[in-house]
Amino acid sequence: MSPKAICLLSGGLDSATTLYAAKAKGYEVRALTIHYGQLHERELECAKKLAQGVAIEHQVMALSLPWKGSALLDASIPVPTGRSDQEMAHGIPVTYVPARNTIFLAVAASYAEASGSAILLIGANILDYSGYPDCRPEYFKSLEETLRLGTKAGAEGRRLSIEAPLLKLSKKEIIEWGMRLGVPYDKTWSCYQGQKAPCGACDACQLRAKGFREAGHEDPLLNYEKSSH
């Protein structure tokens, strides 16, 4: 019997690659997308297309974070642009959403318990972008123990495991793997700006561009955007 898993699917490059990697591994995957008030809502439509493309169950949950606290939630906080690799590697950026992964994984754990799944999948990555504290290996290990202690599944010996297959891969390596898996990157969205086309200057856009460049591939999303104007 195939292991059952819940994949947190944002609609971004990393989560799409994680989804396809899980499918290739033989997991029976369900997708979970959280609509948490992010300004770059286009990724939600991408998540829907990605889930439809592999014909899996897809839950979209609306979640309000009215206190904001992030440039991804508050239009009055400018999204950083044009930052160097060195600048991105130091400090926690204003695009950090307070406790986002903890919230998302807690929701995914609830979905997992209800569906009889034992694996939580997340496209977290620390190599190219290490500014988020909730993307560290020790964080995931600690949260696994919390879920063991605080869920019926854990109490009955059915441990919920958190898998982050991209955690220690560079964007170049992620894209190379995704290309081999057939990930439709034209159906993903990375830009932090809530616009029709990628801004090309925010951290997410720059890291995506660097990954495709180093992998020796053109970003199909940019080709699509050019052809649609």
C-alpha atoms as a PDB file:
ATOM      1  CA  MET A   1       0.000   0.000   0.000  1.00  0.00           C
ATOM      2  CA  SER A   2       1.328   3.433  -0.953  1.00  0.00           C
ATOM      3  CA  PRO A   3       2.186   5.777   1.918  1.00  0.00           C
ATOM      4  CA  LYS A   4      -0.380   8.567   2.265  1.00  0.00           C
ATOM      5  CA  ALA A   5       0.909  12.133   2.390  1.00  0.00           C
ATOM      6  CA  ILE A   6      -0.334  15.702   2.631  1.00  0.00           C
ATOM      7  CA  CYS A   7       1.627  18.149   0.478  1.00  0.00           C
ATOM      8  CA  LEU A   8       1.554  21.835   1.316  1.00  0.00           C
ATOM      9  CA  LEU A   9       1.108  23.259  -2.181  1.00  0.00           C
ATOM     10  CA  SER A  10       1.545  27.021  -2.439  1.00  0.00           C
ATOM     11  CA  GLY A  11       1.748  27.098  -6.221  1.00  0.00           C
ATOM     12  CA  GLY A  12       5.419  28.065  -6.102  1.00  0.00           C
ATOM     13  CA  LEU A  13       8.419  26.379  -7.694  1.00  0.00           C
ATOM     14  CA  ASP A  14       9.537  24.544  -4.558  1.00  0.00           C
ATOM     15  CA  SER A  15       6.150  23.166  -3.553  1.00  0.00           C
ATOM     16  CA  ALA A  16       5.462  22.030  -7.128  1.00  0.00           C
ATOM     17  CA  THR A  17       8.767  20.149  -7.220  1.00  0.00           C
ATOM     18  CA  THR A  18       7.986  18.588  -3.837  1.00  0.00           C
ATOM     19  CA  LEU A  19       4.602  17.419  -5.119  1.00  0.00           C
ATOM     20  CA  TYR A  20       6.095  15.799  -8.218  1.00  0.00           C
ATOM     21  CA  ALA A  21       8.905  14.211  -6.196  1.00  0.00           C
ATOM     22  CA  ALA A  22       6.347  12.662  -3.843  1.00  0.00           C
ATOM     23  CA  LYS A  23       4.310  11.317  -6.743  1.00  0.00           C
ATOM     24  CA  ALA A  24       7.472   9.849  -8.285  1.00  0.00           C
ATOM     25  CA  LYS A  25       8.256   8.198  -4.945  1.00  0.00           C
ATOM     26  CA  GLY A  26       4.916   6.426  -5.067  1.00  0.00           C
ATOM     27  CA  TYR A  27       3.130   8.385  -2.355  1.00  0.00           C
ATOM     28  CA  GLU A  28      -0.635   8.725  -2.409  1.00  0.00           C
ATOM     29  CA  VAL A  29      -0.685  12.515  -2.184  1.00  0.00           C
ATOM     30  CA  ARG A  30      -3.361  15.000  -1.229  1.00  0.00           C
ATOM     31  CA  ALA A  31      -2.630  18.699  -1.668  1.00  0.00           C
ATOM     32  CA  LEU A  32      -3.365  21.483   0.796  1.00  0.00           C
ATOM     33  CA  THR A  33      -3.224  25.143  -0.164  1.00  0.00           C
ATOM     34  CA  ILE A  34      -3.620  27.903   2.423  1.00  0.00           C
ATOM     35  CA  HIS A  35      -5.143  31.206   1.358  1.00  0.00           C
ATOM     36  CA  TYR A  36      -3.839  33.384   4.168  1.00  0.00           C
ATOM     37  CA  GLY A  37      -4.356  36.833   2.680  1.00  0.00           C
ATOM     38  CA  GLN A  38      -1.121  36.900   0.685  1.00  0.00           C
ATOM     39  CA  LEU A  39      -0.905  39.790  -1.752  1.00  0.00           C
ATOM     40  CA  HIS A  40       0.569  37.539  -4.454  1.00  0.00           C
ATOM     41  CA  GLU A  41      -2.679  35.588  -4.844  1.00  0.00           C
ATOM     42  CA  ARG A  42      -1.806  34.398  -8.323  1.00  0.00           C
ATOM     43  CA  GLU A  43      -0.010  31.439  -6.761  1.00  0.00           C
ATOM     44  CA  LEU A  44      -3.390  30.097  -5.599  1.00  0.00           C
ATOM     45  CA  GLU A  45      -4.542  29.609  -9.184  1.00  0.00           C
ATOM     46  CA  CYS A  46      -1.221  27.943  -9.940  1.00  0.00           C
ATOM     47  CA  ALA A  47      -1.719  25.517  -7.057  1.00  0.00           C
ATOM     48  CA  LYS A  48      -5.137  24.585  -8.417  1.00  0.00           C
ATOM     49  CA  LYS A  49      -3.693  23.892 -11.894  1.00  0.00           C
ATOM     50  CA  LEU A  50      -0.822  21.847 -10.467  1.00  0.00           C
ATOM     51  CA  ALA A  51      -3.182  19.647  -8.442  1.00  0.00           C
ATOM     52  CA  GLN A  52      -5.496  19.200 -11.408  1.00  0.00           C
ATOM     53  CA  GLY A  53      -2.513  18.264 -13.564  1.00  0.00           C
ATOM     54  CA  VAL A  54      -1.727  15.220 -11.439  1.00  0.00           C
ATOM     55  CA  ALA A  55      -5.392  14.484 -10.628  1.00  0.00           C
ATOM     56  CA  ILE A  56      -5.183  14.540  -6.832  1.00  0.00           C
ATOM     57  CA  GLU A  57      -7.519  15.681  -4.091  1.00  0.00           C
ATOM     58  CA  HIS A  58      -6.910  19.353  -3.366  1.00  0.00           C
ATOM     59  CA  GLN A  59      -8.135  21.283  -0.360  1.00  0.00           C
ATOM     60  CA  VAL A  60      -7.947  25.079  -0.252  1.00  0.00           C
ATOM     61  CA  MET A  61      -8.337  26.590   3.203  1.00  0.00           C
ATOM     62  CA  ALA A  62      -8.944  30.261   3.848  1.00  0.00           C
ATOM     63  CA  LEU A  63      -7.148  31.590   6.904  1.00  0.00           C
ATOM     64  CA  SER A  64      -7.175  35.169   8.143  1.00  0.00           C
ATOM     65  CA  LEU A  65      -4.106  36.777   9.734  1.00  0.00           C
ATOM     66  CA  PRO A  66      -5.529  40.245  10.414  1.00  0.00           C
ATOM     67  CA  TRP A  67      -2.508  41.328  12.452  1.00  0.00           C
ATOM     68  CA  LYS A  68      -0.397  41.051   9.276  1.00  0.00           C
ATOM     69  CA  GLY A  69       3.268  41.566  10.276  1.00  0.00           C
ATOM     70  CA  SER A  70       4.751  40.825   6.862  1.00  0.00           C
ATOM     71  CA  ALA A  71       5.309  42.508   3.510  1.00  0.00           C
ATOM     72  CA  LEU A  72       3.420  39.577   1.984  1.00  0.00           C
ATOM     73  CA  LEU A  73       0.299  40.576   3.924  1.00  0.00           C
ATOM     74  CA  ASP A  74       0.616  44.346   4.301  1.00  0.00           C
ATOM     75  CA  ALA A  75       0.832  46.527   1.187  1.00  0.00           C
ATOM     76  CA  SER A  76       2.240  49.379   3.280  1.00  0.00           C
ATOM     77  CA  ILE A  77       5.461  47.386   3.865  1.00  0.00           C
ATOM     78  CA  PRO A  78       7.643  47.515   0.738  1.00  0.00           C
ATOM     79  CA  VAL A  79       8.828  44.177  -0.632  1.00  0.00           C
ATOM     80  CA  PRO A  80      12.659  44.294  -0.771  1.00  0.00           C
ATOM     81  CA  THR A  81      14.055  44.394  -4.307  1.00  0.00           C
ATOM     82  CA  GLY A  82      17.490  44.249  -5.893  1.00  0.00           C
ATOM     83  CA  ARG A  83      19.157  42.611  -2.910  1.00  0.00           C
ATOM     84  CA  SER A  84      22.475  40.845  -3.329  1.00  0.00           C
ATOM     85  CA  ASP A  85      23.079  37.216  -2.338  1.00  0.00           C
ATOM     86  CA  GLN A  86      24.996  38.493   0.686  1.00  0.00           C
ATOM     87  CA  GLU A  87      22.108  40.716   1.768  1.00  0.00           C
ATOM     88  CA  MET A  88      19.630  37.860   1.410  1.00  0.00           C
ATOM     89  CA  ALA A  89      21.836  35.594   3.521  1.00  0.00           C
ATOM     90  CA  HIS A  90      21.754  37.847   6.591  1.00  0.00           C
ATOM     91  CA  GLY A  91      18.865  38.598   8.899  1.00  0.00           C
ATOM     92  CA  ILE A  92      15.178  37.751   8.688  1.00  0.00           C
ATOM     93  CA  PRO A  93      13.507  39.654   5.837  1.00  0.00           C
ATOM     94  CA  VAL A  94      10.222  41.560   6.057  1.00  0.00           C
ATOM     95  CA  THR A  95       8.673  38.914   3.787  1.00  0.00           C
ATOM     96  CA  TYR A  96       8.751  36.486   6.725  1.00  0.00           C
ATOM     97  CA  VAL A  97       5.169  35.723   7.799  1.00  0.00           C
ATOM     98  CA  PRO A  98       5.021  35.237  11.598  1.00  0.00           C
ATOM     99  CA  ALA A  99       4.899  31.503  12.432  1.00  0.00           C
ATOM    100  CA  ARG A 100       3.607  30.653   8.940  1.00  0.00           C
ATOM    101  CA  ASN A 101       5.097  27.179   8.632  1.00  0.00           C
ATOM    102  CA  THR A 102       3.982  26.286  12.145  1.00  0.00           C
ATOM    103  CA  ILE A 103       0.419  27.309  11.288  1.00  0.00           C
ATOM    104  CA  PHE A 104       0.478  25.538   7.921  1.00  0.00           C
ATOM    105  CA  LEU A 105       1.957  22.312   9.254  1.00  0.00           C
ATOM    106  CA  ALA A 106      -0.538  22.260  12.126  1.00  0.00           C
ATOM    107  CA  VAL A 107      -3.377  22.497   9.599  1.00  0.00           C
ATOM    108  CA  ALA A 108      -1.698  19.830   7.453  1.00  0.00           C
ATOM    109  CA  ALA A 109      -1.410  17.593  10.530  1.00  0.00           C
ATOM    110  CA  SER A 110      -5.161  17.910  11.123  1.00  0.00           C
ATOM    111  CA  TYR A 111      -5.825  16.999   7.490  1.00  0.00           C
ATOM    112  CA  ALA A 112      -3.399  14.085   7.802  1.00  0.00           C
ATOM    113  CA  GLU A 113      -5.106  12.678  10.889  1.00  0.00           C
ATOM    114  CA  ALA A 114      -8.538  12.971   9.294  1.00  0.00           C
ATOM    115  CA  SER A 115      -7.400  11.287   6.056  1.00  0.00           C
ATOM    116  CA  GLY A 116      -5.211   8.602   7.594  1.00  0.00           C
ATOM    117  CA  SER A 117      -2.014  10.117   6.207  1.00  0.00           C
ATOM    118  CA  ALA A 118       1.318   9.780   7.981  1.00  0.00           C
ATOM    119  CA  ILE A 119       3.539  12.194   6.045  1.00  0.00           C
ATOM    120  CA  LEU A 120       3.522  15.977   5.822  1.00  0.00           C
ATOM    121  CA  LEU A 121       5.387  17.355   2.809  1.00  0.00           C
ATOM    122  CA  ILE A 122       6.759  20.886   2.636  1.00  0.00           C
ATOM    123  CA  GLY A 123       8.975  22.553   0.023  1.00  0.00           C
ATOM    124  CA  ALA A 124      11.186  24.339   2.533  1.00  0.00           C
ATOM    125  CA  ASN A 125      14.751  25.159   1.514  1.00  0.00           C
ATOM    126  CA  ILE A 126      17.688  26.583   3.460  1.00  0.00           C
ATOM    127  CA  LEU A 127      20.614  26.730   1.035  1.00  0.00           C
ATOM    128  CA  ASP A 128      19.703  29.513  -1.336  1.00  0.00           C
ATOM    129  CA  TYR A 129      17.609  31.350   1.207  1.00  0.00           C
ATOM    130  CA  SER A 130      18.378  30.847   4.888  1.00  0.00           C
ATOM    131  CA  GLY A 131      16.626  33.856   6.375  1.00  0.00           C
ATOM    132  CA  TYR A 132      13.460  32.114   7.571  1.00  0.00           C
ATOM    133  CA  PRO A 133      13.779  30.452  11.004  1.00  0.00           C
ATOM    134  CA  ASP A 134      10.897  28.055  10.270  1.00  0.00           C
ATOM    135  CA  CYS A 135      12.855  26.393   7.447  1.00  0.00           C
ATOM    136  CA  ARG A 136      15.605  24.896   9.621  1.00  0.00           C
ATOM    137  CA  PRO A 137      16.073  21.123  10.099  1.00  0.00           C
ATOM    138  CA  GLU A 138      16.010  21.435  13.886  1.00  0.00           C
ATOM    139  CA  TYR A 139      12.663  23.235  13.665  1.00  0.00           C
ATOM    140  CA  PHE A 140      11.067  20.389  11.700  1.00  0.00           C
ATOM    141  CA  LYS A 141      12.520  17.797  14.075  1.00  0.00           C
ATOM    142  CA  SER A 142      11.114  19.656  17.064  1.00  0.00           C
ATOM    143  CA  LEU A 143       7.697  20.086  15.455  1.00  0.00           C
ATOM    144  CA  GLU A 144       7.549  16.369  14.675  1.00  0.00           C
ATOM    145  CA  GLU A 145       7.974  15.672  18.388  1.00  0.00           C
ATOM    146  CA  THR A 146       5.271  18.229  19.239  1.00  0.00           C
ATOM    147  CA  LEU A 147       2.885  16.493  16.835  1.00  0.00           C
ATOM    148  CA  ARG A 148       3.724  13.136  18.406  1.00  0.00           C
ATOM    149  CA  LEU A 149       2.829  14.500  21.820  1.00  0.00           C
ATOM    150  CA  GLY A 150      -0.222  16.476  20.774  1.00  0.00           C
ATOM    151  CA  THR A 151      -2.163  14.283  18.340  1.00  0.00           C
ATOM    152  CA  LYS A 152      -4.283  11.153  18.577  1.00  0.00           C
ATOM    153  CA  ALA A 153      -2.092   9.617  15.883  1.00  0.00           C
ATOM    154  CA  GLY A 154       0.989  10.181  18.011  1.00  0.00           C
ATOM    155  CA  ALA A 155      -0.674   8.869  21.149  1.00  0.00           C
ATOM    156  CA  GLU A 156      -1.577   5.677  19.300  1.00  0.00           C
ATOM    157  CA  GLY A 157       1.944   5.232  17.946  1.00  0.00           C
ATOM    158  CA  ARG A 158       1.185   6.440  14.423  1.00  0.00           C
ATOM    159  CA  ARG A 159       3.845   9.108  14.136  1.00  0.00           C
ATOM    160  CA  LEU A 160       3.338  12.025  11.736  1.00  0.00           C
ATOM    161  CA  SER A 161       6.593  12.677   9.914  1.00  0.00           C
ATOM    162  CA  ILE A 162       7.592  15.924   8.233  1.00  0.00           C
ATOM    163  CA  GLU A 163       9.483  15.531   4.974  1.00  0.00           C
ATOM    164  CA  ALA A 164      11.239  18.448   3.290  1.00  0.00           C
ATOM    165  CA  PRO A 165      12.995  16.821   0.313  1.00  0.00           C
ATOM    166  CA  LEU A 166      14.375  20.111  -1.023  1.00  0.00           C
ATOM    167  CA  LEU A 167      15.756  21.315   2.288  1.00  0.00           C
ATOM    168  CA  LYS A 168      19.450  21.098   1.438  1.00  0.00           C
ATOM    169  CA  LEU A 169      19.270  21.565  -2.339  1.00  0.00           C
ATOM    170  CA  SER A 170      20.233  24.719  -4.229  1.00  0.00           C
ATOM    171  CA  LYS A 171      17.698  26.288  -6.596  1.00  0.00           C
ATOM    172  CA  LYS A 172      19.811  24.939  -9.453  1.00  0.00           C
ATOM    173  CA  GLU A 173      19.545  21.400  -8.073  1.00  0.00           C
ATOM    174  CA  ILE A 174      15.817  21.786  -7.400  1.00  0.00           C
ATOM    175  CA  ILE A 175      15.137  22.908 -10.968  1.00  0.00           C
ATOM    176  CA  GLU A 176      17.329  20.168 -12.450  1.00  0.00           C
ATOM    177  CA  TRP A 177      15.418  17.576 -10.413  1.00  0.00           C
ATOM    178  CA  GLY A 178      12.089  19.152 -11.351  1.00  0.00           C
ATOM    179  CA  MET A 179      12.950  19.104 -15.029  1.00  0.00           C
ATOM    180  CA  ARG A 180      13.674  15.379 -14.808  1.00  0.00           C
ATOM    181  CA  LEU A 181      10.350  14.878 -13.027  1.00  0.00           C
ATOM    182  CA  GLY A 182       8.457  16.884 -15.632  1.00  0.00           C
ATOM    183  CA  VAL A 183       7.310  19.676 -13.321  1.00  0.00           C
ATOM    184  CA  PRO A 184       5.321  22.235 -15.375  1.00  0.00           C
ATOM    185  CA  TYR A 185       7.164  25.310 -14.140  1.00  0.00           C
ATOM    186  CA  ASP A 186       5.060  27.524 -16.424  1.00  0.00           C
ATOM    187  CA  LYS A 187       2.216  26.751 -14.005  1.00  0.00           C
ATOM    188  CA  THR A 188       4.127  27.982 -10.931  1.00  0.00           C
ATOM    189  CA  TRP A 189       4.454  31.444  -9.427  1.00  0.00           C
ATOM    190  CA  SER A 190       7.316  32.759  -7.293  1.00  0.00           C
ATOM    191  CA  CYS A 191       7.118  36.567  -7.348  1.00  0.00           C
ATOM    192  CA  TYR A 192       6.221  38.312  -4.078  1.00  0.00           C
ATOM    193  CA  GLN A 193       4.575  41.210  -5.894  1.00  0.00           C
ATOM    194  CA  GLY A 194       0.881  40.941  -6.632  1.00  0.00           C
ATOM    195  CA  GLN A 195       1.199  41.799 -10.317  1.00  0.00           C
ATOM    196  CA  LYS A 196       0.326  40.158 -13.635  1.00  0.00           C
ATOM    197  CA  ALA A 197       3.963  39.463 -14.520  1.00  0.00           C
ATOM    198  CA  PRO A 198       6.952  38.635 -12.285  1.00  0.00           C
ATOM    199  CA  CYS A 199       8.732  41.777 -11.096  1.00  0.00           C
ATOM    200  CA  GLY A 200      12.153  40.209 -11.614  1.00  0.00           C
ATOM    201  CA  ALA A 201      13.619  42.124  -8.666  1.00  0.00           C
ATOM    202  CA  CYS A 202      12.221  40.678  -5.419  1.00  0.00           C
ATOM    203  CA  ASP A 203      14.178  37.980  -3.577  1.00  0.00           C
ATOM    204  CA  ALA A 204      11.963  35.185  -4.904  1.00  0.00           C
ATOM    205  CA  CYS A 205      12.302  36.339  -8.516  1.00  0.00           C
ATOM    206  CA  GLN A 206      16.070  36.725  -8.246  1.00  0.00           C
ATOM    207  CA  LEU A 207      16.547  33.288  -6.689  1.00  0.00           C
ATOM    208  CA  ARG A 208      14.311  31.708  -9.317  1.00  0.00           C
ATOM    209  CA  ALA A 209      16.203  33.431 -12.138  1.00  0.00           C
ATOM    210  CA  LYS A 210      19.546  32.368 -10.660  1.00  0.00           C
ATOM    211  CA  GLY A 211      18.363  28.773 -10.387  1.00  0.00           C
ATOM    212  CA  PHE A 212      17.195  28.549 -13.989  1.00  0.00           C
ATOM    213  CA  ARG A 213      20.342  30.294 -15.231  1.00  0.00           C
ATOM    214  CA  GLU A 214      22.685  27.962 -13.340  1.00  0.00           C
ATOM    215  CA  ALA A 215      20.647  24.919 -14.394  1.00  0.00           C
ATOM    216  CA  GLY A 216      21.022  25.976 -18.020  1.00  0.00           C
ATOM    217  CA  HIS A 217      17.298  26.324 -18.669  1.00  0.00           C
ATOM    218  CA  GLU A 218      15.025  29.201 -19.592  1.00  0.00           C
ATOM    219  CA  ASP A 219      12.222  29.960 -17.174  1.00  0.00           C
ATOM    220  CA  PRO A 220       9.081  28.878 -19.074  1.00  0.00           C
ATOM    221  CA  LEU A 221       6.968  31.270 -17.034  1.00  0.00           C
ATOM    222  CA  LEU A 222       8.905  34.236 -18.434  1.00  0.00           C
ATOM    223  CA  ASN A 223       8.593  32.867 -21.957  1.00  0.00           C
ATOM    224  CA  TYR A 224       4.857  32.508 -21.390  1.00  0.00           C
ATOM    225  CA  GLU A 225       4.581  36.030 -20.022  1.00  0.00           C
ATOM    226  CA  LYS A 226       6.440  37.444 -23.043  1.00  0.00           C
ATOM    227  CA  SER A 227       4.231  35.610 -25.514  1.00  0.00           C
ATOM    228  CA  SER A 228       1.043  36.692 -23.766  1.00  0.00           C
ATOM    229  CA  HIS A 229       1.724  40.431 -24.105  1.00  0.00           C
END
